[in-house]
Amino acid sequence: MIFCPSCANMLIISAETGANKWACQTCPYEFPIEKLMLSRTRLKRKAVDDVLGGDAMWADADKTKVTCPKCEHDWAYFMQLQIRSADEPMTTFYKSVSFEPINCTF
């Protein structure tokens, strides 16, 4: 993005007179485009925190008798979190207690 040096508004590409130019929409500033203009800015990815707490979240979770739809184990850990507004019910997360290498979360 290029900004107008006189009024600081963003310039747009205009071709009204047949030649491409940067033009300001609020003042009469124009800048002719005579060569290829290229700029690239690579943005850095922001580090994202695990909102639900990761594996430490399940360390103190309670157990209940419920059948896992994936591994059909009879017991699962559960945890309830308020992830929506206060007037909606809490969301319940389950994780299978099975000792298989696959940890089922449903």
PDB file of N, CA and C in Angstrom:
ATOM      1  N   MET A   1       0.832  -1.164   0.000  1.00  0.00           N
ATOM      2  CA  MET A   1       0.000   0.000   0.000  1.00  0.00           C
ATOM      3  C   MET A   1       0.885   1.237   0.000  1.00  0.00           C
ATOM      4  N   ILE A   2       0.444   2.190  -0.740  1.00  0.00           N
ATOM      5  CA  ILE A   2       1.149   3.468  -0.808  1.00  0.00           C
ATOM      6  C   ILE A   2       0.172   4.544  -0.361  1.00  0.00           C
ATOM      7  N   PHE A   3       0.689   5.516   0.394  1.00  0.00           N
ATOM      8  CA  PHE A   3      -0.162   6.560   0.938  1.00  0.00           C
ATOM      9  C   PHE A   3       0.201   7.916   0.358  1.00  0.00           C
ATOM     10  N   CYS A   4      -0.769   8.773   0.292  1.00  0.00           N
ATOM     11  CA  CYS A   4      -0.612  10.125  -0.251  1.00  0.00           C
ATOM     12  C   CYS A   4       0.285  10.947   0.675  1.00  0.00           C
ATOM     13  N   PRO A   5       1.316  11.637   0.116  1.00  0.00           N
ATOM     14  CA  PRO A   5       2.192  12.441   0.973  1.00  0.00           C
ATOM     15  C   PRO A   5       1.539  13.732   1.467  1.00  0.00           C
ATOM     16  N   SER A   6       0.456  14.166   0.834  1.00  0.00           N
ATOM     17  CA  SER A   6      -0.157  15.423   1.267  1.00  0.00           C
ATOM     18  C   SER A   6      -1.312  15.231   2.253  1.00  0.00           C
ATOM     19  N   CYS A   7      -2.111  14.167   2.084  1.00  0.00           N
ATOM     20  CA  CYS A   7      -3.258  13.990   2.984  1.00  0.00           C
ATOM     21  C   CYS A   7      -3.251  12.651   3.727  1.00  0.00           C
ATOM     22  N   ALA A   8      -2.313  11.766   3.445  1.00  0.00           N
ATOM     23  CA  ALA A   8      -2.111  10.488   4.123  1.00  0.00           C
ATOM     24  C   ALA A   8      -3.201   9.456   3.863  1.00  0.00           C
ATOM     25  N   ASN A   9      -4.013   9.640   2.822  1.00  0.00           N
ATOM     26  CA  ASN A   9      -4.990   8.614   2.446  1.00  0.00           C
ATOM     27  C   ASN A   9      -4.332   7.597   1.532  1.00  0.00           C
ATOM     28  N   MET A  10      -4.909   6.406   1.450  1.00  0.00           N
ATOM     29  CA  MET A  10      -4.351   5.349   0.620  1.00  0.00           C
ATOM     30  C   MET A  10      -4.544   5.680  -0.857  1.00  0.00           C
ATOM     31  N   LEU A  11      -3.495   5.473  -1.648  1.00  0.00           N
ATOM     32  CA  LEU A  11      -3.574   5.724  -3.080  1.00  0.00           C
ATOM     33  C   LEU A  11      -4.134   4.508  -3.799  1.00  0.00           C
ATOM     34  N   ILE A  12      -4.864   4.764  -4.880  1.00  0.00           N
ATOM     35  CA  ILE A  12      -5.394   3.684  -5.713  1.00  0.00           C
ATOM     36  C   ILE A  12      -4.779   3.798  -7.100  1.00  0.00           C
ATOM     37  N   ILE A  13      -4.832   2.715  -7.854  1.00  0.00           N
ATOM     38  CA  ILE A  13      -4.331   2.743  -9.224  1.00  0.00           C
ATOM     39  C   ILE A  13      -5.447   3.248 -10.114  1.00  0.00           C
ATOM     40  N   SER A  14      -5.144   4.266 -10.903  1.00  0.00           N
ATOM     41  CA  SER A  14      -6.124   4.868 -11.791  1.00  0.00           C
ATOM     42  C   SER A  14      -5.572   4.857 -13.211  1.00  0.00           C
ATOM     43  N   ALA A  15      -6.434   4.651 -14.195  1.00  0.00           N
ATOM     44  CA  ALA A  15      -6.033   4.661 -15.602  1.00  0.00           C
ATOM     45  C   ALA A  15      -6.988   5.542 -16.406  1.00  0.00           C
ATOM     46  N   GLU A  16      -7.450   6.634 -15.821  1.00  0.00           N
ATOM     47  CA  GLU A  16      -8.420   7.510 -16.484  1.00  0.00           C
ATOM     48  C   GLU A  16      -7.850   8.183 -17.722  1.00  0.00           C
ATOM     49  N   THR A  17      -6.590   8.563 -17.714  1.00  0.00           N
ATOM     50  CA  THR A  17      -5.993   9.262 -18.843  1.00  0.00           C
ATOM     51  C   THR A  17      -5.294   8.315 -19.813  1.00  0.00           C
ATOM     52  N   GLY A  18      -5.414   7.028 -19.613  1.00  0.00           N
ATOM     53  CA  GLY A  18      -4.773   6.050 -20.480  1.00  0.00           C
ATOM     54  C   GLY A  18      -3.482   5.505 -19.915  1.00  0.00           C
ATOM     55  N   ALA A  19      -2.835   6.239 -19.032  1.00  0.00           N
ATOM     56  CA  ALA A  19      -1.599   5.778 -18.399  1.00  0.00           C
ATOM     57  C   ALA A  19      -1.909   5.413 -16.953  1.00  0.00           C
ATOM     58  N   ASN A  20      -1.299   4.338 -16.476  1.00  0.00           N
ATOM     59  CA  ASN A  20      -1.506   3.947 -15.081  1.00  0.00           C
ATOM     60  C   ASN A  20      -0.810   4.927 -14.154  1.00  0.00           C
ATOM     61  N   LYS A  21      -1.481   5.257 -13.055  1.00  0.00           N
ATOM     62  CA  LYS A  21      -0.908   6.171 -12.079  1.00  0.00           C
ATOM     63  C   LYS A  21      -1.515   5.883 -10.724  1.00  0.00           C
ATOM     64  N   TRP A  22      -0.772   6.259  -9.686  1.00  0.00           N
ATOM     65  CA  TRP A  22      -1.313   6.235  -8.335  1.00  0.00           C
ATOM     66  C   TRP A  22      -2.080   7.530  -8.165  1.00  0.00           C
ATOM     67  N   ALA A  23      -3.304   7.452  -7.693  1.00  0.00           N
ATOM     68  CA  ALA A  23      -4.125   8.651  -7.531  1.00  0.00           C
ATOM     69  C   ALA A  23      -4.777   8.641  -6.158  1.00  0.00           C
ATOM     70  N   CYS A  24      -4.887   9.838  -5.592  1.00  0.00           N
ATOM     71  CA  CYS A  24      -5.549  10.006  -4.309  1.00  0.00           C
ATOM     72  C   CYS A  24      -7.016  10.309  -4.566  1.00  0.00           C
ATOM     73  N   GLN A  25      -7.892   9.745  -3.759  1.00  0.00           N
ATOM     74  CA  GLN A  25      -9.322   9.960  -3.947  1.00  0.00           C
ATOM     75  C   GLN A  25      -9.825  11.240  -3.286  1.00  0.00           C
ATOM     76  N   THR A  26      -9.026  11.840  -2.410  1.00  0.00           N
ATOM     77  CA  THR A  26      -9.503  13.021  -1.704  1.00  0.00           C
ATOM     78  C   THR A  26      -8.802  14.312  -2.103  1.00  0.00           C
ATOM     79  N   CYS A  27      -7.617  14.233  -2.645  1.00  0.00           N
ATOM     80  CA  CYS A  27      -6.910  15.437  -3.091  1.00  0.00           C
ATOM     81  C   CYS A  27      -6.422  15.217  -4.527  1.00  0.00           C
ATOM     82  N   PRO A  28      -5.899  16.236  -5.184  1.00  0.00           N
ATOM     83  CA  PRO A  28      -5.499  16.074  -6.599  1.00  0.00           C
ATOM     84  C   PRO A  28      -4.137  15.405  -6.809  1.00  0.00           C
ATOM     85  N   TYR A  29      -3.545  14.782  -5.796  1.00  0.00           N
ATOM     86  CA  TYR A  29      -2.219  14.168  -5.934  1.00  0.00           C
ATOM     87  C   TYR A  29      -2.275  12.980  -6.895  1.00  0.00           C
ATOM     88  N   GLU A  30      -1.318  12.938  -7.828  1.00  0.00           N
ATOM     89  CA  GLU A  30      -1.149  11.818  -8.760  1.00  0.00           C
ATOM     90  C   GLU A  30       0.330  11.519  -8.896  1.00  0.00           C
ATOM     91  N   PHE A  31       0.654  10.231  -9.065  1.00  0.00           N
ATOM     92  CA  PHE A  31       2.036   9.806  -9.247  1.00  0.00           C
ATOM     93  C   PHE A  31       2.047   8.798 -10.386  1.00  0.00           C
ATOM     94  N   PRO A  32       2.703   9.110 -11.520  1.00  0.00           N
ATOM     95  CA  PRO A  32       2.695   8.176 -12.660  1.00  0.00           C
ATOM     96  C   PRO A  32       3.491   6.903 -12.366  1.00  0.00           C
ATOM     97  N   ILE A  33       2.983   5.782 -12.863  1.00  0.00           N
ATOM     98  CA  ILE A  33       3.668   4.490 -12.716  1.00  0.00           C
ATOM     99  C   ILE A  33       4.450   4.259 -13.999  1.00  0.00           C
ATOM    100  N   GLU A  34       5.777   4.347 -13.904  1.00  0.00           N
ATOM    101  CA  GLU A  34       6.628   4.228 -15.094  1.00  0.00           C
ATOM    102  C   GLU A  34       7.368   2.895 -15.164  1.00  0.00           C
ATOM    103  N   LYS A  35       7.469   2.200 -14.063  1.00  0.00           N
ATOM    104  CA  LYS A  35       8.177   0.923 -14.060  1.00  0.00           C
ATOM    105  C   LYS A  35       7.393  -0.062 -13.199  1.00  0.00           C
ATOM    106  N   LEU A  36       7.771  -1.317 -13.273  1.00  0.00           N
ATOM    107  CA  LEU A  36       7.134  -2.355 -12.490  1.00  0.00           C
ATOM    108  C   LEU A  36       7.416  -2.126 -11.012  1.00  0.00           C
ATOM    109  N   MET A  37       6.361  -2.038 -10.239  1.00  0.00           N
ATOM    110  CA  MET A  37       6.507  -1.824  -8.803  1.00  0.00           C
ATOM    111  C   MET A  37       6.093  -3.105  -8.096  1.00  0.00           C
ATOM    112  N   LEU A  38       6.973  -3.610  -7.276  1.00  0.00           N
ATOM    113  CA  LEU A  38       6.722  -4.871  -6.595  1.00  0.00           C
ATOM    114  C   LEU A  38       7.267  -4.780  -5.176  1.00  0.00           C
ATOM    115  N   SER A  39       6.442  -5.167  -4.239  1.00  0.00           N
ATOM    116  CA  SER A  39       6.909  -5.271  -2.860  1.00  0.00           C
ATOM    117  C   SER A  39       6.193  -6.439  -2.211  1.00  0.00           C
ATOM    118  N   ARG A  40       6.901  -7.147  -1.381  1.00  0.00           N
ATOM    119  CA  ARG A  40       6.342  -8.300  -0.711  1.00  0.00           C
ATOM    120  C   ARG A  40       6.799  -8.279   0.736  1.00  0.00           C
ATOM    121  N   THR A  41       5.842  -8.427   1.615  1.00  0.00           N
ATOM    122  CA  THR A  41       6.140  -8.479   3.033  1.00  0.00           C
ATOM    123  C   THR A  41       5.624  -9.801   3.573  1.00  0.00           C
ATOM    124  N   ARG A  42       6.493 -10.610   4.077  1.00  0.00           N
ATOM    125  CA  ARG A  42       6.086 -11.884   4.663  1.00  0.00           C
ATOM    126  C   ARG A  42       5.769 -11.656   6.133  1.00  0.00           C
ATOM    127  N   LEU A  43       4.582 -12.041   6.518  1.00  0.00           N
ATOM    128  CA  LEU A  43       4.164 -11.867   7.893  1.00  0.00           C
ATOM    129  C   LEU A  43       4.591 -13.074   8.728  1.00  0.00           C
ATOM    130  N   LYS A  44       4.990 -12.811   9.948  1.00  0.00           N
ATOM    131  CA  LYS A  44       5.370 -13.887  10.854  1.00  0.00           C
ATOM    132  C   LYS A  44       4.116 -14.445  11.501  1.00  0.00           C
ATOM    133  N   ARG A  45       4.070 -15.752  11.631  1.00  0.00           N
ATOM    134  CA  ARG A  45       2.932 -16.389  12.282  1.00  0.00           C
ATOM    135  C   ARG A  45       3.009 -16.181  13.785  1.00  0.00           C
ATOM    136  N   LYS A  46       1.893 -15.876  14.348  1.00  0.00           N
ATOM    137  CA  LYS A  46       1.809 -15.665  15.777  1.00  0.00           C
ATOM    138  C   LYS A  46       1.763 -17.016  16.484  1.00  0.00           C
ATOM    139  N   ALA A  47       2.485 -17.137  17.572  1.00  0.00           N
ATOM    140  CA  ALA A  47       2.451 -18.374  18.357  1.00  0.00           C
ATOM    141  C   ALA A  47       1.086 -18.484  19.025  1.00  0.00           C
ATOM    142  N   VAL A  48       0.434 -19.616  18.837  1.00  0.00           N
ATOM    143  CA  VAL A  48      -0.910 -19.812  19.367  1.00  0.00           C
ATOM    144  C   VAL A  48      -0.837 -20.685  20.611  1.00  0.00           C
ATOM    145  N   ASP A  49      -1.431 -20.199  21.683  1.00  0.00           N
ATOM    146  CA  ASP A  49      -1.488 -20.971  22.920  1.00  0.00           C
ATOM    147  C   ASP A  49      -2.615 -21.997  22.821  1.00  0.00           C
ATOM    148  N   ASP A  50      -2.435 -23.112  23.508  1.00  0.00           N
ATOM    149  CA  ASP A  50      -3.492 -24.114  23.560  1.00  0.00           C
ATOM    150  C   ASP A  50      -4.546 -23.619  24.540  1.00  0.00           C
ATOM    151  N   VAL A  51      -5.673 -23.208  24.016  1.00  0.00           N
ATOM    152  CA  VAL A  51      -6.720 -22.587  24.824  1.00  0.00           C
ATOM    153  C   VAL A  51      -7.277 -23.548  25.864  1.00  0.00           C
ATOM    154  N   LEU A  52      -7.395 -24.809  25.522  1.00  0.00           N
ATOM    155  CA  LEU A  52      -7.984 -25.780  26.437  1.00  0.00           C
ATOM    156  C   LEU A  52      -6.991 -26.358  27.434  1.00  0.00           C
ATOM    157  N   GLY A  53      -5.716 -26.016  27.343  1.00  0.00           N
ATOM    158  CA  GLY A  53      -4.754 -26.462  28.345  1.00  0.00           C
ATOM    159  C   GLY A  53      -3.890 -27.635  27.933  1.00  0.00           C
ATOM    160  N   GLY A  54      -4.104 -28.214  26.773  1.00  0.00           N
ATOM    161  CA  GLY A  54      -3.273 -29.319  26.300  1.00  0.00           C
ATOM    162  C   GLY A  54      -3.437 -30.577  27.133  1.00  0.00           C
ATOM    163  N   ASP A  55      -2.378 -31.365  27.252  1.00  0.00           N
ATOM    164  CA  ASP A  55      -2.432 -32.621  28.011  1.00  0.00           C
ATOM    165  C   ASP A  55      -2.566 -32.379  29.513  1.00  0.00           C
ATOM    166  N   ALA A  56      -2.103 -31.240  30.000  1.00  0.00           N
ATOM    167  CA  ALA A  56      -2.210 -30.931  31.430  1.00  0.00           C
ATOM    168  C   ALA A  56      -3.670 -30.751  31.846  1.00  0.00           C
ATOM    169  N   MET A  57      -4.537 -30.449  30.895  1.00  0.00           N
ATOM    170  CA  MET A  57      -5.950 -30.260  31.201  1.00  0.00           C
ATOM    171  C   MET A  57      -6.576 -31.548  31.737  1.00  0.00           C
ATOM    172  N   TRP A  58      -6.120 -32.684  31.225  1.00  0.00           N
ATOM    173  CA  TRP A  58      -6.719 -33.972  31.591  1.00  0.00           C
ATOM    174  C   TRP A  58      -6.107 -34.574  32.850  1.00  0.00           C
ATOM    175  N   ALA A  59      -5.091 -33.942  33.440  1.00  0.00           N
ATOM    176  CA  ALA A  59      -4.407 -34.507  34.605  1.00  0.00           C
ATOM    177  C   ALA A  59      -5.336 -34.652  35.808  1.00  0.00           C
ATOM    178  N   ASP A  60      -6.224 -33.708  36.029  1.00  0.00           N
ATOM    179  CA  ASP A  60      -7.115 -33.742  37.184  1.00  0.00           C
ATOM    180  C   ASP A  60      -8.570 -33.952  36.792  1.00  0.00           C
ATOM    181  N   ALA A  61      -8.811 -34.498  35.618  1.00  0.00           N
ATOM    182  CA  ALA A  61     -10.190 -34.688  35.150  1.00  0.00           C
ATOM    183  C   ALA A  61     -10.853 -35.861  35.877  1.00  0.00           C
ATOM    184  N   ASP A  62     -12.166 -35.776  36.043  1.00  0.00           N
ATOM    185  CA  ASP A  62     -12.940 -36.844  36.676  1.00  0.00           C
ATOM    186  C   ASP A  62     -13.286 -37.918  35.652  1.00  0.00           C
ATOM    187  N   LYS A  63     -13.622 -39.128  36.152  1.00  0.00           N
ATOM    188  CA  LYS A  63     -14.015 -40.238  35.275  1.00  0.00           C
ATOM    189  C   LYS A  63     -15.507 -40.472  35.392  1.00  0.00           C
ATOM    190  N   THR A  64     -16.071 -40.960  34.287  1.00  0.00           N
ATOM    191  CA  THR A  64     -17.478 -41.339  34.282  1.00  0.00           C
ATOM    192  C   THR A  64     -17.659 -42.557  33.391  1.00  0.00           C
ATOM    193  N   LYS A  65     -18.762 -43.258  33.593  1.00  0.00           N
ATOM    194  CA  LYS A  65     -19.035 -44.443  32.785  1.00  0.00           C
ATOM    195  C   LYS A  65     -19.814 -44.014  31.553  1.00  0.00           C
ATOM    196  N   VAL A  66     -19.130 -44.005  30.430  1.00  0.00           N
ATOM    197  CA  VAL A  66     -19.722 -43.670  29.132  1.00  0.00           C
ATOM    198  C   VAL A  66     -18.937 -44.434  28.070  1.00  0.00           C
ATOM    199  N   THR A  67     -19.603 -44.890  27.033  1.00  0.00           N
ATOM    200  CA  THR A  67     -18.951 -45.685  25.992  1.00  0.00           C
ATOM    201  C   THR A  67     -18.388 -44.782  24.908  1.00  0.00           C
ATOM    202  N   CYS A  68     -17.113 -44.981  24.595  1.00  0.00           N
ATOM    203  CA  CYS A  68     -16.445 -44.214  23.545  1.00  0.00           C
ATOM    204  C   CYS A  68     -16.934 -44.707  22.181  1.00  0.00           C
ATOM    205  N   PRO A  69     -17.381 -43.841  21.296  1.00  0.00           N
ATOM    206  CA  PRO A  69     -17.848 -44.277  19.989  1.00  0.00           C
ATOM    207  C   PRO A  69     -16.726 -44.762  19.066  1.00  0.00           C
ATOM    208  N   LYS A  70     -15.465 -44.422  19.377  1.00  0.00           N
ATOM    209  CA  LYS A  70     -14.350 -44.825  18.514  1.00  0.00           C
ATOM    210  C   LYS A  70     -13.729 -46.149  18.954  1.00  0.00           C
ATOM    211  N   CYS A  71     -13.367 -46.256  20.241  1.00  0.00           N
ATOM    212  CA  CYS A  71     -12.681 -47.465  20.710  1.00  0.00           C
ATOM    213  C   CYS A  71     -13.575 -48.351  21.563  1.00  0.00           C
ATOM    214  N   GLU A  72     -14.791 -47.914  21.836  1.00  0.00           N
ATOM    215  CA  GLU A  72     -15.793 -48.658  22.595  1.00  0.00           C
ATOM    216  C   GLU A  72     -15.341 -49.002  24.016  1.00  0.00           C
ATOM    217  N   HIS A  73     -14.448 -48.221  24.578  1.00  0.00           N
ATOM    218  CA  HIS A  73     -14.045 -48.394  25.963  1.00  0.00           C
ATOM    219  C   HIS A  73     -15.179 -47.862  26.848  1.00  0.00           C
ATOM    220  N   ASP A  74     -15.370 -48.458  28.036  1.00  0.00           N
ATOM    221  CA  ASP A  74     -16.526 -48.132  28.873  1.00  0.00           C
ATOM    222  C   ASP A  74     -16.341 -46.901  29.766  1.00  0.00           C
ATOM    223  N   TRP A  75     -15.131 -46.455  29.977  1.00  0.00           N
ATOM    224  CA  TRP A  75     -14.893 -45.322  30.879  1.00  0.00           C
ATOM    225  C   TRP A  75     -14.219 -44.190  30.117  1.00  0.00           C
ATOM    226  N   ALA A  76     -14.482 -42.958  30.560  1.00  0.00           N
ATOM    227  CA  ALA A  76     -13.863 -41.798  29.928  1.00  0.00           C
ATOM    228  C   ALA A  76     -13.676 -40.694  30.962  1.00  0.00           C
ATOM    229  N   TYR A  77     -12.619 -39.896  30.769  1.00  0.00           N
ATOM    230  CA  TYR A  77     -12.442 -38.690  31.557  1.00  0.00           C
ATOM    231  C   TYR A  77     -13.372 -37.636  30.979  1.00  0.00           C
ATOM    232  N   PHE A  78     -13.846 -36.715  31.819  1.00  0.00           N
ATOM    233  CA  PHE A  78     -14.667 -35.639  31.285  1.00  0.00           C
ATOM    234  C   PHE A  78     -14.315 -34.313  31.934  1.00  0.00           C
ATOM    235  N   MET A  79     -14.590 -33.254  31.209  1.00  0.00           N
ATOM    236  CA  MET A  79     -14.324 -31.904  31.694  1.00  0.00           C
ATOM    237  C   MET A  79     -15.357 -30.981  31.076  1.00  0.00           C
ATOM    238  N   GLN A  80     -15.850 -30.036  31.853  1.00  0.00           N
ATOM    239  CA  GLN A  80     -16.822 -29.079  31.350  1.00  0.00           C
ATOM    240  C   GLN A  80     -16.214 -27.681  31.356  1.00  0.00           C
ATOM    241  N   LEU A  81     -16.400 -26.975  30.238  1.00  0.00           N
ATOM    242  CA  LEU A  81     -15.899 -25.614  30.107  1.00  0.00           C
ATOM    243  C   LEU A  81     -17.000 -24.707  29.580  1.00  0.00           C
ATOM    244  N   GLN A  82     -16.988 -23.481  30.023  1.00  0.00           N
ATOM    245  CA  GLN A  82     -17.927 -22.479  29.518  1.00  0.00           C
ATOM    246  C   GLN A  82     -17.248 -21.804  28.330  1.00  0.00           C
ATOM    247  N   ILE A  83     -17.571 -22.224  27.104  1.00  0.00           N
ATOM    248  CA  ILE A  83     -16.901 -21.666  25.932  1.00  0.00           C
ATOM    249  C   ILE A  83     -17.785 -20.687  25.172  1.00  0.00           C
ATOM    250  N   ARG A  84     -19.050 -20.620  25.506  1.00  0.00           N
ATOM    251  CA  ARG A  84     -19.958 -19.662  24.873  1.00  0.00           C
ATOM    252  C   ARG A  84     -20.375 -18.631  25.911  1.00  0.00           C
ATOM    253  N   SER A  85     -21.395 -17.885  25.594  1.00  0.00           N
ATOM    254  CA  SER A  85     -21.855 -16.863  26.537  1.00  0.00           C
ATOM    255  C   SER A  85     -22.476 -17.518  27.770  1.00  0.00           C
ATOM    256  N   ALA A  86     -22.659 -16.736  28.811  1.00  0.00           N
ATOM    257  CA  ALA A  86     -23.096 -17.271  30.103  1.00  0.00           C
ATOM    258  C   ALA A  86     -24.523 -17.810  30.077  1.00  0.00           C
ATOM    259  N   ASP A  87     -25.341 -17.379  29.116  1.00  0.00           N
ATOM    260  CA  ASP A  87     -26.722 -17.851  29.087  1.00  0.00           C
ATOM    261  C   ASP A  87     -26.878 -19.181  28.345  1.00  0.00           C
ATOM    262  N   GLU A  88     -25.777 -19.773  27.868  1.00  0.00           N
ATOM    263  CA  GLU A  88     -25.816 -21.072  27.198  1.00  0.00           C
ATOM    264  C   GLU A  88     -25.157 -22.120  28.094  1.00  0.00           C
ATOM    265  N   PRO A  89     -25.517 -23.383  27.921  1.00  0.00           N
ATOM    266  CA  PRO A  89     -24.957 -24.426  28.810  1.00  0.00           C
ATOM    267  C   PRO A  89     -23.466 -24.658  28.563  1.00  0.00           C
ATOM    268  N   MET A  90     -22.839 -25.285  29.544  1.00  0.00           N
ATOM    269  CA  MET A  90     -21.417 -25.610  29.434  1.00  0.00           C
ATOM    270  C   MET A  90     -21.217 -26.713  28.404  1.00  0.00           C
ATOM    271  N   THR A  91     -20.024 -26.757  27.801  1.00  0.00           N
ATOM    272  CA  THR A  91     -19.677 -27.794  26.840  1.00  0.00           C
ATOM    273  C   THR A  91     -18.892 -28.875  27.567  1.00  0.00           C
ATOM    274  N   THR A  92     -19.265 -30.141  27.352  1.00  0.00           N
ATOM    275  CA  THR A  92     -18.599 -31.259  28.007  1.00  0.00           C
ATOM    276  C   THR A  92     -17.650 -31.928  27.022  1.00  0.00           C
ATOM    277  N   PHE A  93     -16.406 -32.115  27.431  1.00  0.00           N
ATOM    278  CA  PHE A  93     -15.395 -32.794  26.629  1.00  0.00           C
ATOM    279  C   PHE A  93     -15.096 -34.134  27.290  1.00  0.00           C
ATOM    280  N   TYR A  94     -14.965 -35.183  26.470  1.00  0.00           N
ATOM    281  CA  TYR A  94     -14.653 -36.527  26.958  1.00  0.00           C
ATOM    282  C   TYR A  94     -13.353 -37.007  26.332  1.00  0.00           C
ATOM    283  N   LYS A  95     -12.588 -37.803  27.087  1.00  0.00           N
ATOM    284  CA  LYS A  95     -11.385 -38.452  26.571  1.00  0.00           C
ATOM    285  C   LYS A  95     -11.365 -39.868  27.102  1.00  0.00           C
ATOM    286  N   SER A  96     -11.216 -40.829  26.214  1.00  0.00           N
ATOM    287  CA  SER A  96     -11.272 -42.236  26.587  1.00  0.00           C
ATOM    288  C   SER A  96     -10.161 -42.603  27.563  1.00  0.00           C
ATOM    289  N   VAL A  97     -10.461 -43.517  28.483  1.00  0.00           N
ATOM    290  CA  VAL A  97      -9.498 -43.982  29.475  1.00  0.00           C
ATOM    291  C   VAL A  97      -8.700 -45.164  28.934  1.00  0.00           C
ATOM    292  N   SER A  98      -8.988 -45.602  27.716  1.00  0.00           N
ATOM    293  CA  SER A  98      -8.354 -46.813  27.163  1.00  0.00           C
ATOM    294  C   SER A  98      -6.841 -46.716  27.196  1.00  0.00           C
ATOM    295  N   PHE A  99      -6.198 -47.852  27.319  1.00  0.00           N
ATOM    296  CA  PHE A  99      -4.758 -47.905  27.389  1.00  0.00           C
ATOM    297  C   PHE A  99      -4.142 -48.169  26.007  1.00  0.00           C
ATOM    298  N   GLU A 100      -4.927 -48.016  24.972  1.00  0.00           N
ATOM    299  CA  GLU A 100      -4.419 -48.196  23.616  1.00  0.00           C
ATOM    300  C   GLU A 100      -3.590 -46.977  23.230  1.00  0.00           C
ATOM    301  N   PRO A 101      -2.736 -47.098  22.212  1.00  0.00           N
ATOM    302  CA  PRO A 101      -1.901 -45.957  21.800  1.00  0.00           C
ATOM    303  C   PRO A 101      -2.745 -44.782  21.279  1.00  0.00           C
ATOM    304  N   ILE A 102      -3.933 -45.060  20.786  1.00  0.00           N
ATOM    305  CA  ILE A 102      -4.795 -43.996  20.250  1.00  0.00           C
ATOM    306  C   ILE A 102      -5.613 -43.420  21.401  1.00  0.00           C
ATOM    307  N   ASN A 103      -5.486 -42.131  21.647  1.00  0.00           N
ATOM    308  CA  ASN A 103      -6.295 -41.460  22.643  1.00  0.00           C
ATOM    309  C   ASN A 103      -7.508 -40.871  21.956  1.00  0.00           C
ATOM    310  N   CYS A 104      -8.674 -41.391  22.282  1.00  0.00           N
ATOM    311  CA  CYS A 104      -9.903 -40.923  21.664  1.00  0.00           C
ATOM    312  C   CYS A 104     -10.436 -39.713  22.415  1.00  0.00           C
ATOM    313  N   THR A 105     -10.780 -38.680  21.687  1.00  0.00           N
ATOM    314  CA  THR A 105     -11.433 -37.513  22.271  1.00  0.00           C
ATOM    315  C   THR A 105     -12.745 -37.334  21.548  1.00  0.00           C
ATOM    316  N   PHE A 106     -13.843 -37.284  22.302  1.00  0.00           N
ATOM    317  CA  PHE A 106     -15.159 -37.127  21.678  1.00  0.00           C
ATOM    318  C   PHE A 106     -15.992 -36.178  22.463  1.00  0.00           C
TER     319      PHE A 106
END
